[in-house]
Amino acid sequence: MLRRSKFETTQSQIMHRAEDLINAASNRYRITVQVANRAKRRRYEDFDNTEDVLMKPVLRSIIEMSDELTQPEIIGEM
């Protein structure tokens, strides 16, 4: 039986989001490191969280960062 997360994203959607992130970035290496750092941070912050065990931290980071890119109102004013 295949388990699905509550995000219900497909591989093609993840690939499109990752491409959008890379295309919007001025430096491919930098955006890759940012995604990795966010995934690492989320992994340790949500270590005890059992809700999103099905979605890997890297995929969650790509989704979050692409949402921030396309919907800047999510971030708000800093």
N, C-alpha and C. Protein backbone atom coordinates (compact mmCIF):
# COMPACT_ATOMS: atom_id res chain seq x y z
N MET A 1 0.84 -1.17 0.00
CA MET A 1 0.00 0.00 0.00
C MET A 1 0.89 1.24 0.00
N LEU A 2 0.58 2.17 -0.86
CA LEU A 2 1.36 3.39 -1.00
C LEU A 2 0.80 4.47 -0.08
N ARG A 3 1.67 5.04 0.75
CA ARG A 3 1.23 6.11 1.65
C ARG A 3 1.43 7.45 0.98
N ARG A 4 0.54 8.35 1.25
CA ARG A 4 0.62 9.69 0.70
C ARG A 4 0.58 10.70 1.82
N SER A 5 1.25 11.81 1.62
CA SER A 5 1.22 12.86 2.62
C SER A 5 0.02 13.75 2.37
N LYS A 6 -0.20 14.67 3.29
CA LYS A 6 -1.34 15.56 3.14
C LYS A 6 -1.13 16.61 2.05
N PHE A 7 0.12 16.74 1.55
CA PHE A 7 0.39 17.73 0.51
C PHE A 7 -0.06 17.25 -0.86
N GLU A 8 -0.05 15.95 -1.08
CA GLU A 8 -0.51 15.36 -2.33
C GLU A 8 0.18 15.97 -3.55
N THR A 9 1.48 16.03 -3.52
CA THR A 9 2.23 16.55 -4.65
C THR A 9 2.85 15.40 -5.42
N THR A 10 2.93 15.58 -6.72
CA THR A 10 3.52 14.55 -7.56
C THR A 10 4.97 14.90 -7.83
N GLN A 11 5.69 13.96 -8.40
CA GLN A 11 7.08 14.20 -8.72
C GLN A 11 7.25 15.31 -9.73
N SER A 12 6.35 15.38 -10.69
CA SER A 12 6.46 16.44 -11.70
C SER A 12 6.22 17.82 -11.08
N GLN A 13 5.33 17.91 -10.10
CA GLN A 13 5.11 19.19 -9.43
C GLN A 13 6.35 19.60 -8.64
N ILE A 14 6.98 18.64 -7.98
CA ILE A 14 8.21 18.91 -7.24
C ILE A 14 9.30 19.38 -8.19
N MET A 15 9.42 18.72 -9.33
CA MET A 15 10.45 19.11 -10.31
C MET A 15 10.20 20.52 -10.84
N HIS A 16 8.95 20.86 -11.12
CA HIS A 16 8.63 22.21 -11.60
C HIS A 16 8.95 23.25 -10.53
N ARG A 17 8.63 22.95 -9.30
CA ARG A 17 8.91 23.89 -8.21
C ARG A 17 10.42 24.07 -8.03
N ALA A 18 11.16 22.98 -8.11
CA ALA A 18 12.62 23.06 -7.99
C ALA A 18 13.22 23.86 -9.14
N GLU A 19 12.72 23.65 -10.35
CA GLU A 19 13.18 24.42 -11.50
C GLU A 19 12.89 25.91 -11.33
N ASP A 20 11.71 26.22 -10.82
CA ASP A 20 11.35 27.63 -10.58
C ASP A 20 12.30 28.26 -9.58
N LEU A 21 12.64 27.53 -8.53
CA LEU A 21 13.58 28.04 -7.53
C LEU A 21 14.95 28.30 -8.15
N ILE A 22 15.43 27.36 -8.93
CA ILE A 22 16.75 27.50 -9.55
C ILE A 22 16.76 28.63 -10.56
N ASN A 23 15.69 28.75 -11.34
CA ASN A 23 15.63 29.83 -12.35
C ASN A 23 15.54 31.20 -11.70
N ALA A 24 14.91 31.30 -10.57
CA ALA A 24 14.76 32.59 -9.89
C ALA A 24 16.02 32.99 -9.13
N ALA A 25 16.87 32.02 -8.82
CA ALA A 25 18.07 32.30 -8.04
C ALA A 25 19.18 32.83 -8.93
N SER A 26 20.00 33.67 -8.35
CA SER A 26 21.15 34.18 -9.11
C SER A 26 22.31 33.19 -9.09
N ASN A 27 22.29 32.27 -8.12
CA ASN A 27 23.38 31.31 -7.97
C ASN A 27 22.78 29.95 -7.63
N ARG A 28 22.99 28.98 -8.50
CA ARG A 28 22.41 27.64 -8.30
C ARG A 28 22.95 26.96 -7.05
N TYR A 29 24.23 27.11 -6.80
CA TYR A 29 24.83 26.50 -5.63
C TYR A 29 24.22 27.07 -4.36
N ARG A 30 24.05 28.37 -4.33
CA ARG A 30 23.53 29.03 -3.14
C ARG A 30 22.10 28.58 -2.81
N ILE A 31 21.25 28.48 -3.82
CA ILE A 31 19.87 28.07 -3.57
C ILE A 31 19.83 26.60 -3.14
N THR A 32 20.74 25.78 -3.67
CA THR A 32 20.81 24.38 -3.27
C THR A 32 21.20 24.26 -1.80
N VAL A 33 22.18 25.07 -1.40
CA VAL A 33 22.61 25.06 0.00
C VAL A 33 21.50 25.58 0.91
N GLN A 34 20.75 26.59 0.47
CA GLN A 34 19.65 27.11 1.27
C GLN A 34 18.57 26.05 1.47
N VAL A 35 18.24 25.31 0.42
CA VAL A 35 17.25 24.24 0.54
C VAL A 35 17.75 23.17 1.50
N ALA A 36 19.02 22.80 1.37
CA ALA A 36 19.59 21.77 2.25
C ALA A 36 19.61 22.22 3.70
N ASN A 37 19.98 23.47 3.94
CA ASN A 37 20.02 23.98 5.31
C ASN A 37 18.63 24.04 5.92
N ARG A 38 17.66 24.46 5.14
CA ARG A 38 16.29 24.51 5.65
C ARG A 38 15.78 23.11 5.96
N ALA A 39 16.09 22.17 5.09
CA ALA A 39 15.66 20.79 5.32
C ALA A 39 16.31 20.23 6.58
N LYS A 40 17.58 20.51 6.75
CA LYS A 40 18.29 20.03 7.95
C LYS A 40 17.71 20.65 9.22
N ARG A 41 17.44 21.95 9.17
CA ARG A 41 16.86 22.64 10.32
C ARG A 41 15.47 22.09 10.63
N ARG A 42 14.65 21.90 9.60
CA ARG A 42 13.30 21.38 9.80
C ARG A 42 13.32 19.96 10.33
N ARG A 43 14.31 19.19 9.89
CA ARG A 43 14.41 17.81 10.35
C ARG A 43 14.62 17.75 11.86
N TYR A 44 15.47 18.61 12.37
CA TYR A 44 15.74 18.60 13.80
C TYR A 44 14.66 19.31 14.60
N GLU A 45 14.02 20.32 14.02
CA GLU A 45 12.92 21.00 14.72
C GLU A 45 11.70 20.11 14.84
N ASP A 46 11.42 19.36 13.80
CA ASP A 46 10.23 18.52 13.75
C ASP A 46 10.54 17.06 14.05
N PHE A 47 11.59 16.82 14.80
CA PHE A 47 12.00 15.45 15.07
C PHE A 47 10.91 14.66 15.78
N ASP A 48 10.21 15.31 16.69
CA ASP A 48 9.16 14.62 17.44
C ASP A 48 7.79 14.71 16.78
N ASN A 49 7.69 15.47 15.70
CA ASN A 49 6.42 15.64 15.01
C ASN A 49 6.13 14.39 14.17
N THR A 50 5.04 13.74 14.43
CA THR A 50 4.70 12.51 13.70
C THR A 50 3.69 12.75 12.59
N GLU A 51 3.23 13.98 12.44
CA GLU A 51 2.23 14.27 11.40
C GLU A 51 2.79 14.11 10.00
N ASP A 52 3.93 14.74 9.73
CA ASP A 52 4.48 14.77 8.39
C ASP A 52 5.67 13.84 8.21
N VAL A 53 5.58 12.67 8.79
CA VAL A 53 6.66 11.70 8.67
C VAL A 53 6.78 11.22 7.23
N LEU A 54 5.68 11.25 6.50
CA LEU A 54 5.68 10.71 5.15
C LEU A 54 6.38 11.60 4.14
N MET A 55 6.48 12.90 4.40
CA MET A 55 7.14 13.80 3.47
C MET A 55 8.55 14.09 3.95
N LYS A 56 9.50 13.89 3.08
CA LYS A 56 10.90 14.11 3.43
C LYS A 56 11.16 15.60 3.59
N PRO A 57 12.10 15.94 4.47
CA PRO A 57 12.39 17.36 4.74
C PRO A 57 12.83 18.15 3.51
N VAL A 58 13.56 17.53 2.60
CA VAL A 58 14.01 18.25 1.41
C VAL A 58 12.83 18.60 0.53
N LEU A 59 11.90 17.69 0.35
CA LEU A 59 10.72 17.97 -0.47
C LEU A 59 9.87 19.06 0.17
N ARG A 60 9.73 18.99 1.48
CA ARG A 60 8.96 20.01 2.19
C ARG A 60 9.63 21.38 2.04
N SER A 61 10.96 21.41 2.09
CA SER A 61 11.69 22.67 1.94
C SER A 61 11.52 23.26 0.54
N ILE A 62 11.57 22.41 -0.47
CA ILE A 62 11.37 22.88 -1.85
C ILE A 62 9.98 23.46 -2.01
N ILE A 63 8.98 22.79 -1.46
CA ILE A 63 7.60 23.28 -1.56
C ILE A 63 7.46 24.62 -0.84
N GLU A 64 8.00 24.70 0.37
CA GLU A 64 7.88 25.94 1.14
C GLU A 64 8.59 27.09 0.45
N MET A 65 9.81 26.86 -0.02
CA MET A 65 10.57 27.93 -0.65
C MET A 65 9.94 28.37 -1.97
N SER A 66 9.39 27.44 -2.73
CA SER A 66 8.73 27.84 -3.98
C SER A 66 7.44 28.59 -3.69
N ASP A 67 6.74 28.24 -2.61
CA ASP A 67 5.55 28.99 -2.22
C ASP A 67 5.94 30.41 -1.80
N GLU A 68 7.04 30.56 -1.09
CA GLU A 68 7.51 31.88 -0.70
C GLU A 68 7.89 32.70 -1.92
N LEU A 69 8.39 32.03 -2.94
CA LEU A 69 8.79 32.71 -4.17
C LEU A 69 7.58 33.20 -4.95
N THR A 70 6.56 32.35 -5.06
CA THR A 70 5.39 32.70 -5.86
C THR A 70 4.34 33.50 -5.09
N GLN A 71 4.37 33.38 -3.75
CA GLN A 71 3.40 34.09 -2.93
C GLN A 71 4.12 34.85 -1.83
N PRO A 72 4.68 36.02 -2.15
CA PRO A 72 5.47 36.75 -1.16
C PRO A 72 4.65 37.21 0.06
N GLU A 73 3.34 37.22 -0.03
CA GLU A 73 2.53 37.63 1.12
C GLU A 73 2.61 36.61 2.25
N ILE A 74 3.09 35.41 1.97
CA ILE A 74 3.26 34.40 3.00
C ILE A 74 4.32 34.86 4.01
N ILE A 75 5.39 35.43 3.49
CA ILE A 75 6.51 35.84 4.32
C ILE A 75 6.16 37.05 5.17
N GLY A 76 5.52 38.03 4.56
CA GLY A 76 5.18 39.26 5.28
C GLY A 76 6.35 40.23 5.30
N GLU A 77 6.16 41.34 5.92
CA GLU A 77 7.20 42.35 6.00
C GLU A 77 8.17 42.02 7.11
N MET A 78 9.45 42.18 6.84
CA MET A 78 10.47 41.92 7.85
C MET A 78 11.03 43.19 8.38
